[in-house]
């Protein structure tokens, strides 16, 4: 999907990167947080199951 969008944007003469994997913080130049509460919860659940 991302590759298709970039090729269409190239054909239309628009800048690439309309659809991409990024965060709002990264777009604004801020530091992104890797350890979010959901990720910590998943890790705890995984440890409990093992």
PDB file of N, CA and C in Angstrom:
ATOM      1  N   UNK A   1       0.831  -1.187   0.000  1.00  0.00           N
ATOM      2  CA  UNK A   1       0.000   0.000   0.000  1.00  0.00           C
ATOM      3  C   UNK A   1       0.878   1.254   0.000  1.00  0.00           C
ATOM      4  N   UNK A   2       1.908   1.259   0.811  1.00  0.00           N
ATOM      5  CA  UNK A   2       2.787   2.425   0.865  1.00  0.00           C
ATOM      6  C   UNK A   2       3.525   2.589  -0.457  1.00  0.00           C
ATOM      7  N   UNK A   3       4.001   1.477  -1.011  1.00  0.00           N
ATOM      8  CA  UNK A   3       4.709   1.540  -2.289  1.00  0.00           C
ATOM      9  C   UNK A   3       3.792   2.024  -3.399  1.00  0.00           C
ATOM     10  N   UNK A   4       2.553   1.559  -3.406  1.00  0.00           N
ATOM     11  CA  UNK A   4       1.600   1.981  -4.431  1.00  0.00           C
ATOM     12  C   UNK A   4       1.308   3.468  -4.299  1.00  0.00           C
ATOM     13  N   UNK A   5       1.169   3.947  -3.082  1.00  0.00           N
ATOM     14  CA  UNK A   5       0.893   5.367  -2.869  1.00  0.00           C
ATOM     15  C   UNK A   5       2.064   6.214  -3.353  1.00  0.00           C
ATOM     16  N   UNK A   6       3.279   5.796  -3.049  1.00  0.00           N
ATOM     17  CA  UNK A   6       4.452   6.557  -3.489  1.00  0.00           C
ATOM     18  C   UNK A   6       4.551   6.602  -5.006  1.00  0.00           C
ATOM     19  N   UNK A   7       4.240   5.495  -5.675  1.00  0.00           N
ATOM     20  CA  UNK A   7       4.325   5.500  -7.139  1.00  0.00           C
ATOM     21  C   UNK A   7       3.254   6.400  -7.745  1.00  0.00           C
ATOM     22  N   UNK A   8       2.073   6.425  -7.155  1.00  0.00           N
ATOM     23  CA  UNK A   8       1.015   7.316  -7.645  1.00  0.00           C
ATOM     24  C   UNK A   8       1.404   8.771  -7.399  1.00  0.00           C
ATOM     25  N   UNK A   9       1.971   9.046  -6.239  1.00  0.00           N
ATOM     26  CA  UNK A   9       2.391  10.419  -5.927  1.00  0.00           C
ATOM     27  C   UNK A   9       3.484  10.872  -6.897  1.00  0.00           C
ATOM     28  N   UNK A  10       4.390   9.964  -7.275  1.00  0.00           N
ATOM     29  CA  UNK A  10       5.422  10.299  -8.260  1.00  0.00           C
ATOM     30  C   UNK A  10       4.795  10.648  -9.605  1.00  0.00           C
ATOM     31  N   UNK A  11       3.813   9.861 -10.035  1.00  0.00           N
ATOM     32  CA  UNK A  11       3.155  10.115 -11.317  1.00  0.00           C
ATOM     33  C   UNK A  11       2.418  11.447 -11.321  1.00  0.00           C
ATOM     34  N   UNK A  12       1.834  11.814 -10.173  1.00  0.00           N
ATOM     35  CA  UNK A  12       1.063  13.052 -10.085  1.00  0.00           C
ATOM     36  C   UNK A  12       1.949  14.270  -9.832  1.00  0.00           C
ATOM     37  N   UNK A  13       3.217  14.025  -9.479  1.00  0.00           N
ATOM     38  CA  UNK A  13       4.137  15.124  -9.225  1.00  0.00           C
ATOM     39  C   UNK A  13       4.042  15.695  -7.819  1.00  0.00           C
ATOM     40  N   UNK A  14       3.480  14.916  -6.898  1.00  0.00           N
ATOM     41  CA  UNK A  14       3.356  15.351  -5.509  1.00  0.00           C
ATOM     42  C   UNK A  14       4.498  14.761  -4.683  1.00  0.00           C
ATOM     43  N   UNK A  15       4.780  15.333  -3.507  1.00  0.00           N
ATOM     44  CA  UNK A  15       5.849  14.769  -2.669  1.00  0.00           C
ATOM     45  C   UNK A  15       5.469  13.390  -2.134  1.00  0.00           C
ATOM     46  N   UNK A  16       6.472  12.546  -1.967  1.00  0.00           N
ATOM     47  CA  UNK A  16       6.261  11.194  -1.454  1.00  0.00           C
ATOM     48  C   UNK A  16       6.095  11.227   0.058  1.00  0.00           C
ATOM     49  N   UNK A  17       5.605  10.118   0.598  1.00  0.00           N
ATOM     50  CA  UNK A  17       5.541   9.970   2.050  1.00  0.00           C
ATOM     51  C   UNK A  17       4.211  10.359   2.663  1.00  0.00           C
ATOM     52  N   UNK A  18       3.151  10.426   1.856  1.00  0.00           N
ATOM     53  CA  UNK A  18       1.842  10.743   2.418  1.00  0.00           C
ATOM     54  C   UNK A  18       1.422   9.661   3.405  1.00  0.00           C
ATOM     55  N   UNK A  19       1.665   8.406   3.039  1.00  0.00           N
ATOM     56  CA  UNK A  19       1.376   7.273   3.923  1.00  0.00           C
ATOM     57  C   UNK A  19       2.713   6.658   4.311  1.00  0.00           C
ATOM     58  N   UNK A  20       2.988   6.606   5.622  1.00  0.00           N
ATOM     59  CA  UNK A  20       4.252   6.042   6.088  1.00  0.00           C
ATOM     60  C   UNK A  20       4.123   5.604   7.535  1.00  0.00           C
ATOM     61  N   UNK A  21       5.081   4.800   7.955  1.00  0.00           N
ATOM     62  CA  UNK A  21       5.116   4.337   9.336  1.00  0.00           C
ATOM     63  C   UNK A  21       5.896   5.349  10.160  1.00  0.00           C
ATOM     64  N   UNK A  22       5.196   6.159  10.923  1.00  0.00           N
ATOM     65  CA  UNK A  22       5.838   7.140  11.788  1.00  0.00           C
ATOM     66  C   UNK A  22       4.864   7.537  12.887  1.00  0.00           C
ATOM     67  N   UNK A  23       5.332   8.336  13.809  1.00  0.00           N
ATOM     68  CA  UNK A  23       4.476   8.823  14.883  1.00  0.00           C
ATOM     69  C   UNK A  23       4.328  10.331  14.758  1.00  0.00           C
ATOM     70  N   UNK A  24       3.342  10.870  15.456  1.00  0.00           N
ATOM     71  CA  UNK A  24       3.156  12.315  15.442  1.00  0.00           C
ATOM     72  C   UNK A  24       4.363  13.014  16.062  1.00  0.00           C
ATOM     73  N   UNK A  25       4.937  12.409  17.099  1.00  0.00           N
ATOM     74  CA  UNK A  25       6.117  13.004  17.725  1.00  0.00           C
ATOM     75  C   UNK A  25       7.287  13.058  16.753  1.00  0.00           C
ATOM     76  N   UNK A  26       7.472  12.020  15.968  1.00  0.00           N
ATOM     77  CA  UNK A  26       8.571  12.000  15.004  1.00  0.00           C
ATOM     78  C   UNK A  26       8.365  13.060  13.930  1.00  0.00           C
ATOM     79  N   UNK A  27       7.122  13.259  13.507  1.00  0.00           N
ATOM     80  CA  UNK A  27       6.843  14.289  12.505  1.00  0.00           C
ATOM     81  C   UNK A  27       7.144  15.687  13.032  1.00  0.00           C
ATOM     82  N   UNK A  28       6.914  15.889  14.333  1.00  0.00           N
ATOM     83  CA  UNK A  28       7.163  17.192  14.942  1.00  0.00           C
ATOM     84  C   UNK A  28       8.609  17.345  15.406  1.00  0.00           C
ATOM     85  N   UNK A  29       9.413  16.305  15.241  1.00  0.00           N
ATOM     86  CA  UNK A  29      10.815  16.367  15.634  1.00  0.00           C
ATOM     87  C   UNK A  29      11.048  16.091  17.105  1.00  0.00           C
ATOM     88  N   UNK A  30      10.031  15.601  17.790  1.00  0.00           N
ATOM     89  CA  UNK A  30      10.167  15.286  19.208  1.00  0.00           C
ATOM     90  C   UNK A  30      10.677  13.859  19.381  1.00  0.00           C
ATOM     91  N   UNK A  31      11.149  13.563  20.571  1.00  0.00           N
ATOM     92  CA  UNK A  31      11.624  12.222  20.878  1.00  0.00           C
ATOM     93  C   UNK A  31      10.423  11.301  21.070  1.00  0.00           C
ATOM     94  N   UNK A  32      10.466  10.121  20.458  1.00  0.00           N
ATOM     95  CA  UNK A  32       9.365   9.172  20.609  1.00  0.00           C
ATOM     96  C   UNK A  32       9.657   8.233  21.775  1.00  0.00           C
ATOM     97  N   UNK A  33       8.608   7.814  22.440  1.00  0.00           N
ATOM     98  CA  UNK A  33       8.734   6.939  23.602  1.00  0.00           C
ATOM     99  C   UNK A  33       8.591   5.489  23.159  1.00  0.00           C
ATOM    100  N   UNK A  34       9.577   4.684  23.496  1.00  0.00           N
ATOM    101  CA  UNK A  34       9.548   3.276  23.110  1.00  0.00           C
ATOM    102  C   UNK A  34       8.756   2.466  24.129  1.00  0.00           C
ATOM    103  N   UNK A  35       8.975   2.713  25.406  1.00  0.00           N
ATOM    104  CA  UNK A  35       8.279   1.962  26.452  1.00  0.00           C
ATOM    105  C   UNK A  35       6.973   2.670  26.805  1.00  0.00           C
ATOM    106  N   UNK A  36       5.915   2.270  26.130  1.00  0.00           N
ATOM    107  CA  UNK A  36       4.589   2.814  26.400  1.00  0.00           C
ATOM    108  C   UNK A  36       3.858   1.869  27.342  1.00  0.00           C
ATOM    109  N   UNK A  37       2.829   2.360  28.026  1.00  0.00           N
ATOM    110  CA  UNK A  37       2.105   1.499  28.976  1.00  0.00           C
ATOM    111  C   UNK A  37       1.573   0.210  28.350  1.00  0.00           C
ATOM    112  N   UNK A  38       1.074   0.257  27.138  1.00  0.00           N
ATOM    113  CA  UNK A  38       0.543  -0.950  26.501  1.00  0.00           C
ATOM    114  C   UNK A  38       1.654  -1.970  26.276  1.00  0.00           C
ATOM    115  N   UNK A  39       2.812  -1.521  25.836  1.00  0.00           N
ATOM    116  CA  UNK A  39       3.927  -2.429  25.599  1.00  0.00           C
ATOM    117  C   UNK A  39       4.387  -3.064  26.908  1.00  0.00           C
ATOM    118  N   UNK A  40       4.434  -2.290  27.962  1.00  0.00           N
ATOM    119  CA  UNK A  40       4.807  -2.825  29.274  1.00  0.00           C
ATOM    120  C   UNK A  40       3.778  -3.859  29.728  1.00  0.00           C
ATOM    121  N   UNK A  41       2.490  -3.574  29.492  1.00  0.00           N
ATOM    122  CA  UNK A  41       1.432  -4.524  29.844  1.00  0.00           C
ATOM    123  C   UNK A  41       1.566  -5.830  29.089  1.00  0.00           C
ATOM    124  N   UNK A  42       1.872  -5.757  27.793  1.00  0.00           N
ATOM    125  CA  UNK A  42       2.080  -6.972  27.001  1.00  0.00           C
ATOM    126  C   UNK A  42       3.263  -7.773  27.536  1.00  0.00           C
ATOM    127  N   UNK A  43       4.330  -7.082  27.906  1.00  0.00           N
ATOM    128  CA  UNK A  43       5.510  -7.760  28.430  1.00  0.00           C
ATOM    129  C   UNK A  43       5.183  -8.464  29.747  1.00  0.00           C
ATOM    130  N   UNK A  44       4.453  -7.788  30.621  1.00  0.00           N
ATOM    131  CA  UNK A  44       4.072  -8.387  31.905  1.00  0.00           C
ATOM    132  C   UNK A  44       3.182  -9.604  31.673  1.00  0.00           C
ATOM    133  N   UNK A  45       2.221  -9.499  30.763  1.00  0.00           N
ATOM    134  CA  UNK A  45       1.339 -10.634  30.460  1.00  0.00           C
ATOM    135  C   UNK A  45       2.138 -11.812  29.913  1.00  0.00           C
ATOM    136  N   UNK A  46       3.118 -11.536  29.076  1.00  0.00           N
ATOM    137  CA  UNK A  46       3.957 -12.598  28.518  1.00  0.00           C
ATOM    138  C   UNK A  46       4.759 -13.290  29.612  1.00  0.00           C
ATOM    139  N   UNK A  47       5.311 -12.518  30.526  1.00  0.00           N
ATOM    140  CA  UNK A  47       6.098 -13.091  31.621  1.00  0.00           C
ATOM    141  C   UNK A  47       5.203 -13.933  32.529  1.00  0.00           C
ATOM    142  N   UNK A  48       3.986 -13.472  32.789  1.00  0.00           N
ATOM    143  CA  UNK A  48       3.066 -14.222  33.649  1.00  0.00           C
ATOM    144  C   UNK A  48       2.679 -15.546  32.995  1.00  0.00           C
ATOM    145  N   UNK A  49       2.491 -15.559  31.683  1.00  0.00           N
ATOM    146  CA  UNK A  49       2.107 -16.784  30.982  1.00  0.00           C
ATOM    147  C   UNK A  49       3.242 -17.798  30.945  1.00  0.00           C
ATOM    148  N   UNK A  50       4.471 -17.343  30.995  1.00  0.00           N
ATOM    149  CA  UNK A  50       5.620 -18.254  30.953  1.00  0.00           C
ATOM    150  C   UNK A  50       5.899 -18.690  32.353  1.00  0.00           C
TER     151      UNK A  50
END
